[in-house]
Amino acid sequence: MLMATAALSRPVKEAAELAWMRQDAESGSERAPITASIVHDVACQRTAFDVAVFVRVLTRRGSRRSRSAP
């Protein structure tokens, strides 16, 4: 809950970065309930445009990660 609140109190790009950092911290687990909560709360509390920016930032971060992976 605290992480979701932190994400909602930041600009959308910073919220996406926060979710990404949280995902990295949870990467050892099969499911990422905290990250899922952040994504859910952002999707419910932001405008459609903000959600699109949020998803775009996460998608770009993911594509950079996959290119740098061996």
PDB file of N, CA and C in Angstrom:
ATOM      1  N   MET A   1       0.821  -1.187   0.000  1.00  0.00           N
ATOM      2  CA  MET A   1       0.000   0.000   0.000  1.00  0.00           C
ATOM      3  C   MET A   1       0.870   1.259   0.000  1.00  0.00           C
ATOM      4  N   LEU A   2       1.917   1.238   0.779  1.00  0.00           N
ATOM      5  CA  LEU A   2       2.795   2.396   0.859  1.00  0.00           C
ATOM      6  C   LEU A   2       3.473   2.665  -0.481  1.00  0.00           C
ATOM      7  N   MET A   3       3.912   1.600  -1.161  1.00  0.00           N
ATOM      8  CA  MET A   3       4.560   1.777  -2.459  1.00  0.00           C
ATOM      9  C   MET A   3       3.582   2.314  -3.496  1.00  0.00           C
ATOM     10  N   ALA A   4       2.352   1.839  -3.465  1.00  0.00           N
ATOM     11  CA  ALA A   4       1.343   2.328  -4.402  1.00  0.00           C
ATOM     12  C   ALA A   4       1.051   3.795  -4.139  1.00  0.00           C
ATOM     13  N   THR A   5       0.951   4.179  -2.878  1.00  0.00           N
ATOM     14  CA  THR A   5       0.728   5.581  -2.528  1.00  0.00           C
ATOM     15  C   THR A   5       1.897   6.437  -2.988  1.00  0.00           C
ATOM     16  N   ALA A   6       3.105   5.935  -2.802  1.00  0.00           N
ATOM     17  CA  ALA A   6       4.293   6.658  -3.260  1.00  0.00           C
ATOM     18  C   ALA A   6       4.263   6.841  -4.772  1.00  0.00           C
ATOM     19  N   ALA A   7       3.832   5.812  -5.492  1.00  0.00           N
ATOM     20  CA  ALA A   7       3.752   5.901  -6.951  1.00  0.00           C
ATOM     21  C   ALA A   7       2.709   6.923  -7.384  1.00  0.00           C
ATOM     22  N   LEU A   8       1.597   6.963  -6.672  1.00  0.00           N
ATOM     23  CA  LEU A   8       0.524   7.888  -7.051  1.00  0.00           C
ATOM     24  C   LEU A   8       0.856   9.342  -6.731  1.00  0.00           C
ATOM     25  N   SER A   9       1.767   9.558  -5.806  1.00  0.00           N
ATOM     26  CA  SER A   9       2.115  10.933  -5.440  1.00  0.00           C
ATOM     27  C   SER A   9       3.237  11.505  -6.302  1.00  0.00           C
ATOM     28  N   ARG A  10       3.716  10.712  -7.242  1.00  0.00           N
ATOM     29  CA  ARG A  10       4.802  11.149  -8.126  1.00  0.00           C
ATOM     30  C   ARG A  10       4.282  11.357  -9.543  1.00  0.00           C
ATOM     31  N   PRO A  11       5.051  12.104 -10.339  1.00  0.00           N
ATOM     32  CA  PRO A  11       4.714  12.189 -11.766  1.00  0.00           C
ATOM     33  C   PRO A  11       4.716  10.787 -12.369  1.00  0.00           C
ATOM     34  N   VAL A  12       3.976  10.601 -13.432  1.00  0.00           N
ATOM     35  CA  VAL A  12       3.748   9.265 -13.985  1.00  0.00           C
ATOM     36  C   VAL A  12       5.045   8.562 -14.389  1.00  0.00           C
ATOM     37  N   LYS A  13       6.004   9.267 -14.946  1.00  0.00           N
ATOM     38  CA  LYS A  13       7.265   8.626 -15.337  1.00  0.00           C
ATOM     39  C   LYS A  13       8.040   8.151 -14.113  1.00  0.00           C
ATOM     40  N   GLU A  14       8.026   8.933 -13.044  1.00  0.00           N
ATOM     41  CA  GLU A  14       8.679   8.512 -11.813  1.00  0.00           C
ATOM     42  C   GLU A  14       7.948   7.322 -11.191  1.00  0.00           C
ATOM     43  N   ALA A  15       6.634   7.303 -11.311  1.00  0.00           N
ATOM     44  CA  ALA A  15       5.856   6.166 -10.804  1.00  0.00           C
ATOM     45  C   ALA A  15       6.248   4.890 -11.535  1.00  0.00           C
ATOM     46  N   ALA A  16       6.447   4.996 -12.837  1.00  0.00           N
ATOM     47  CA  ALA A  16       6.865   3.826 -13.621  1.00  0.00           C
ATOM     48  C   ALA A  16       8.257   3.369 -13.199  1.00  0.00           C
ATOM     49  N   GLU A  17       9.154   4.304 -12.972  1.00  0.00           N
ATOM     50  CA  GLU A  17      10.501   3.951 -12.520  1.00  0.00           C
ATOM     51  C   GLU A  17      10.440   3.271 -11.153  1.00  0.00           C
ATOM     52  N   LEU A  18       9.591   3.766 -10.268  1.00  0.00           N
ATOM     53  CA  LEU A  18       9.419   3.157  -8.956  1.00  0.00           C
ATOM     54  C   LEU A  18       8.910   1.724  -9.082  1.00  0.00           C
ATOM     55  N   ALA A  19       7.935   1.508  -9.947  1.00  0.00           N
ATOM     56  CA  ALA A  19       7.414   0.161 -10.171  1.00  0.00           C
ATOM     57  C   ALA A  19       8.506  -0.746 -10.739  1.00  0.00           C
ATOM     58  N   TRP A  20       9.313  -0.197 -11.635  1.00  0.00           N
ATOM     59  CA  TRP A  20      10.396  -0.982 -12.234  1.00  0.00           C
ATOM     60  C   TRP A  20      11.427  -1.380 -11.173  1.00  0.00           C
ATOM     61  N   MET A  21      11.800  -0.435 -10.314  1.00  0.00           N
ATOM     62  CA  MET A  21      12.753  -0.746  -9.255  1.00  0.00           C
ATOM     63  C   MET A  21      12.185  -1.795  -8.301  1.00  0.00           C
ATOM     64  N   ARG A  22      10.897  -1.695  -8.018  1.00  0.00           N
ATOM     65  CA  ARG A  22      10.237  -2.663  -7.139  1.00  0.00           C
ATOM     66  C   ARG A  22      10.238  -4.050  -7.788  1.00  0.00           C
ATOM     67  N   GLN A  23      10.002  -4.086  -9.092  1.00  0.00           N
ATOM     68  CA  GLN A  23      10.031  -5.357  -9.818  1.00  0.00           C
ATOM     69  C   GLN A  23      11.420  -5.973  -9.743  1.00  0.00           C
ATOM     70  N   ASP A  24      12.459  -5.164  -9.903  1.00  0.00           N
ATOM     71  CA  ASP A  24      13.827  -5.673  -9.789  1.00  0.00           C
ATOM     72  C   ASP A  24      14.071  -6.265  -8.408  1.00  0.00           C
ATOM     73  N   ALA A  25      13.556  -5.607  -7.379  1.00  0.00           N
ATOM     74  CA  ALA A  25      13.733  -6.091  -6.013  1.00  0.00           C
ATOM     75  C   ALA A  25      12.991  -7.400  -5.784  1.00  0.00           C
ATOM     76  N   GLU A  26      11.892  -7.603  -6.500  1.00  0.00           N
ATOM     77  CA  GLU A  26      11.079  -8.807  -6.346  1.00  0.00           C
ATOM     78  C   GLU A  26      11.396  -9.878  -7.377  1.00  0.00           C
ATOM     79  N   SER A  27      12.397  -9.663  -8.187  1.00  0.00           N
ATOM     80  CA  SER A  27      12.637 -10.548  -9.331  1.00  0.00           C
ATOM     81  C   SER A  27      12.920 -11.994  -8.941  1.00  0.00           C
ATOM     82  N   GLY A  28      13.286 -12.239  -7.709  1.00  0.00           N
ATOM     83  CA  GLY A  28      13.520 -13.607  -7.281  1.00  0.00           C
ATOM     84  C   GLY A  28      12.243 -14.385  -7.046  1.00  0.00           C
ATOM     85  N   SER A  29      11.124 -13.677  -6.895  1.00  0.00           N
ATOM     86  CA  SER A  29       9.867 -14.376  -6.639  1.00  0.00           C
ATOM     87  C   SER A  29       9.113 -14.618  -7.940  1.00  0.00           C
ATOM     88  N   GLU A  30       8.302 -15.668  -7.953  1.00  0.00           N
ATOM     89  CA  GLU A  30       7.547 -15.999  -9.157  1.00  0.00           C
ATOM     90  C   GLU A  30       6.495 -14.933  -9.451  1.00  0.00           C
ATOM     91  N   ARG A  31       5.766 -14.519  -8.419  1.00  0.00           N
ATOM     92  CA  ARG A  31       4.767 -13.462  -8.569  1.00  0.00           C
ATOM     93  C   ARG A  31       5.297 -12.205  -7.894  1.00  0.00           C
ATOM     94  N   ALA A  32       4.857 -11.087  -8.347  1.00  0.00           N
ATOM     95  CA  ALA A  32       5.285  -9.817  -7.782  1.00  0.00           C
ATOM     96  C   ALA A  32       4.052  -9.059  -7.296  1.00  0.00           C
ATOM     97  N   PRO A  33       3.495  -9.420  -6.135  1.00  0.00           N
ATOM     98  CA  PRO A  33       2.250  -8.809  -5.686  1.00  0.00           C
ATOM     99  C   PRO A  33       2.365  -7.317  -5.408  1.00  0.00           C
ATOM    100  N   ILE A  34       3.508  -6.857  -4.930  1.00  0.00           N
ATOM    101  CA  ILE A  34       3.650  -5.431  -4.652  1.00  0.00           C
ATOM    102  C   ILE A  34       3.647  -4.652  -5.963  1.00  0.00           C
ATOM    103  N   THR A  35       4.398  -5.132  -6.939  1.00  0.00           N
ATOM    104  CA  THR A  35       4.426  -4.471  -8.234  1.00  0.00           C
ATOM    105  C   THR A  35       3.054  -4.509  -8.889  1.00  0.00           C
ATOM    106  N   ALA A  36       2.374  -5.626  -8.803  1.00  0.00           N
ATOM    107  CA  ALA A  36       1.025  -5.732  -9.364  1.00  0.00           C
ATOM    108  C   ALA A  36       0.102  -4.723  -8.714  1.00  0.00           C
ATOM    109  N   SER A  37       0.258  -4.513  -7.425  1.00  0.00           N
ATOM    110  CA  SER A  37      -0.553  -3.534  -6.707  1.00  0.00           C
ATOM    111  C   SER A  37      -0.273  -2.119  -7.214  1.00  0.00           C
ATOM    112  N   ILE A  38       0.985  -1.811  -7.442  1.00  0.00           N
ATOM    113  CA  ILE A  38       1.343  -0.482  -7.956  1.00  0.00           C
ATOM    114  C   ILE A  38       0.711  -0.265  -9.329  1.00  0.00           C
ATOM    115  N   VAL A  39       0.860  -1.236 -10.212  1.00  0.00           N
ATOM    116  CA  VAL A  39       0.300  -1.123 -11.565  1.00  0.00           C
ATOM    117  C   VAL A  39      -1.216  -0.978 -11.496  1.00  0.00           C
ATOM    118  N   HIS A  40      -1.854  -1.780 -10.672  1.00  0.00           N
ATOM    119  CA  HIS A  40      -3.307  -1.717 -10.527  1.00  0.00           C
ATOM    120  C   HIS A  40      -3.741  -0.338 -10.033  1.00  0.00           C
ATOM    121  N   ASP A  41      -3.092   0.169  -9.000  1.00  0.00           N
ATOM    122  CA  ASP A  41      -3.477   1.468  -8.445  1.00  0.00           C
ATOM    123  C   ASP A  41      -3.236   2.611  -9.425  1.00  0.00           C
ATOM    124  N   VAL A  42      -2.138   2.559 -10.152  1.00  0.00           N
ATOM    125  CA  VAL A  42      -1.881   3.596 -11.155  1.00  0.00           C
ATOM    126  C   VAL A  42      -2.957   3.542 -12.236  1.00  0.00           C
ATOM    127  N   ALA A  43      -3.291   2.341 -12.684  1.00  0.00           N
ATOM    128  CA  ALA A  43      -4.305   2.191 -13.731  1.00  0.00           C
ATOM    129  C   ALA A  43      -5.676   2.693 -13.270  1.00  0.00           C
ATOM    130  N   CYS A  44      -5.975   2.528 -12.002  1.00  0.00           N
ATOM    131  CA  CYS A  44      -7.289   2.950 -11.481  1.00  0.00           C
ATOM    132  C   CYS A  44      -7.354   4.438 -11.149  1.00  0.00           C
ATOM    133  N   GLN A  45      -6.241   5.040 -10.814  1.00  0.00           N
ATOM    134  CA  GLN A  45      -6.243   6.400 -10.289  1.00  0.00           C
ATOM    135  C   GLN A  45      -5.716   7.459 -11.259  1.00  0.00           C
ATOM    136  N   ARG A  46      -5.220   7.056 -12.381  1.00  0.00           N
ATOM    137  CA  ARG A  46      -4.665   8.005 -13.351  1.00  0.00           C
ATOM    138  C   ARG A  46      -5.549   8.078 -14.592  1.00  0.00           C
ATOM    139  N   THR A  47      -5.310   9.101 -15.382  1.00  0.00           N
ATOM    140  CA  THR A  47      -6.027   9.229 -16.651  1.00  0.00           C
ATOM    141  C   THR A  47      -5.507   8.178 -17.635  1.00  0.00           C
ATOM    142  N   ALA A  48      -6.259   7.946 -18.689  1.00  0.00           N
ATOM    143  CA  ALA A  48      -5.846   6.973 -19.706  1.00  0.00           C
ATOM    144  C   ALA A  48      -4.507   7.365 -20.322  1.00  0.00           C
ATOM    145  N   PHE A  49      -4.310   8.652 -20.543  1.00  0.00           N
ATOM    146  CA  PHE A  49      -3.033   9.118 -21.104  1.00  0.00           C
ATOM    147  C   PHE A  49      -1.883   8.793 -20.158  1.00  0.00           C
ATOM    148  N   ASP A  50      -2.060   9.057 -18.863  1.00  0.00           N
ATOM    149  CA  ASP A  50      -1.012   8.764 -17.881  1.00  0.00           C
ATOM    150  C   ASP A  50      -0.714   7.270 -17.823  1.00  0.00           C
ATOM    151  N   VAL A  51      -1.748   6.457 -17.907  1.00  0.00           N
ATOM    152  CA  VAL A  51      -1.547   5.001 -17.900  1.00  0.00           C
ATOM    153  C   VAL A  51      -0.750   4.591 -19.139  1.00  0.00           C
ATOM    154  N   ALA A  52      -1.039   5.203 -20.269  1.00  0.00           N
ATOM    155  CA  ALA A  52      -0.305   4.900 -21.497  1.00  0.00           C
ATOM    156  C   ALA A  52       1.174   5.271 -21.351  1.00  0.00           C
ATOM    157  N   VAL A  53       1.450   6.419 -20.747  1.00  0.00           N
ATOM    158  CA  VAL A  53       2.843   6.831 -20.512  1.00  0.00           C
ATOM    159  C   VAL A  53       3.519   5.845 -19.564  1.00  0.00           C
ATOM    160  N   PHE A  54       2.826   5.471 -18.502  1.00  0.00           N
ATOM    161  CA  PHE A  54       3.337   4.513 -17.522  1.00  0.00           C
ATOM    162  C   PHE A  54       3.725   3.204 -18.208  1.00  0.00           C
ATOM    163  N   VAL A  55       2.833   2.677 -19.026  1.00  0.00           N
ATOM    164  CA  VAL A  55       3.086   1.416 -19.743  1.00  0.00           C
ATOM    165  C   VAL A  55       4.240   1.585 -20.725  1.00  0.00           C
ATOM    166  N   ARG A  56       4.292   2.715 -21.411  1.00  0.00           N
ATOM    167  CA  ARG A  56       5.368   2.959 -22.367  1.00  0.00           C
ATOM    168  C   ARG A  56       6.728   2.965 -21.672  1.00  0.00           C
ATOM    169  N   VAL A  57       6.821   3.628 -20.526  1.00  0.00           N
ATOM    170  CA  VAL A  57       8.087   3.664 -19.781  1.00  0.00           C
ATOM    171  C   VAL A  57       8.499   2.256 -19.368  1.00  0.00           C
ATOM    172  N   LEU A  58       7.552   1.482 -18.843  1.00  0.00           N
ATOM    173  CA  LEU A  58       7.869   0.110 -18.436  1.00  0.00           C
ATOM    174  C   LEU A  58       8.268  -0.748 -19.630  1.00  0.00           C
ATOM    175  N   THR A  59       7.584  -0.576 -20.750  1.00  0.00           N
ATOM    176  CA  THR A  59       7.898  -1.348 -21.955  1.00  0.00           C
ATOM    177  C   THR A  59       9.299  -1.020 -22.454  1.00  0.00           C
ATOM    178  N   ARG A  60       9.641   0.253 -22.466  1.00  0.00           N
ATOM    179  CA  ARG A  60      10.982   0.647 -22.918  1.00  0.00           C
ATOM    180  C   ARG A  60      12.055   0.106 -21.985  1.00  0.00           C
ATOM    181  N   ARG A  61      11.803   0.162 -20.681  1.00  0.00           N
ATOM    182  CA  ARG A  61      12.767  -0.392 -19.723  1.00  0.00           C
ATOM    183  C   ARG A  61      12.939  -1.886 -19.966  1.00  0.00           C
ATOM    184  N   GLY A  62      11.844  -2.579 -20.229  1.00  0.00           N
ATOM    185  CA  GLY A  62      11.902  -4.019 -20.483  1.00  0.00           C
ATOM    186  C   GLY A  62      12.657  -4.349 -21.751  1.00  0.00           C
ATOM    187  N   SER A  63      12.473  -3.535 -22.788  1.00  0.00           N
ATOM    188  CA  SER A  63      13.168  -3.814 -24.041  1.00  0.00           C
ATOM    189  C   SER A  63      14.659  -3.528 -23.908  1.00  0.00           C
ATOM    190  N   ARG A  64      15.037  -2.534 -23.102  1.00  0.00           N
ATOM    191  CA  ARG A  64      16.453  -2.274 -22.859  1.00  0.00           C
ATOM    192  C   ARG A  64      17.084  -3.421 -22.089  1.00  0.00           C
ATOM    193  N   ARG A  65      16.342  -3.962 -21.132  1.00  0.00           N
ATOM    194  CA  ARG A  65      16.856  -5.066 -20.328  1.00  0.00           C
ATOM    195  C   ARG A  65      17.072  -6.293 -21.209  1.00  0.00           C
ATOM    196  N   SER A  66      16.116  -6.600 -22.089  1.00  0.00           N
ATOM    197  CA  SER A  66      16.243  -7.808 -22.908  1.00  0.00           C
ATOM    198  C   SER A  66      17.381  -7.674 -23.928  1.00  0.00           C
ATOM    199  N   ARG A  67      17.657  -6.467 -24.380  1.00  0.00           N
ATOM    200  CA  ARG A  67      18.779  -6.278 -25.314  1.00  0.00           C
ATOM    201  C   ARG A  67      20.111  -6.442 -24.615  1.00  0.00           C
ATOM    202  N   SER A  68      20.189  -6.080 -23.332  1.00  0.00           N
ATOM    203  CA  SER A  68      21.457  -6.164 -22.631  1.00  0.00           C
ATOM    204  C   SER A  68      21.686  -7.537 -21.997  1.00  0.00           C
ATOM    205  N   ALA A  69      20.660  -8.387 -21.981  1.00  0.00           N
ATOM    206  CA  ALA A  69      20.811  -9.724 -21.403  1.00  0.00           C
ATOM    207  C   ALA A  69      21.641 -10.596 -22.343  1.00  0.00           C
ATOM    208  N   PRO A  70      22.445 -11.495 -21.782  1.00  0.00           N
ATOM    209  CA  PRO A  70      23.296 -12.352 -22.639  1.00  0.00           C
ATOM    210  C   PRO A  70      22.493 -13.376 -23.398  1.00  0.00           C
TER     211      PRO A  70
END
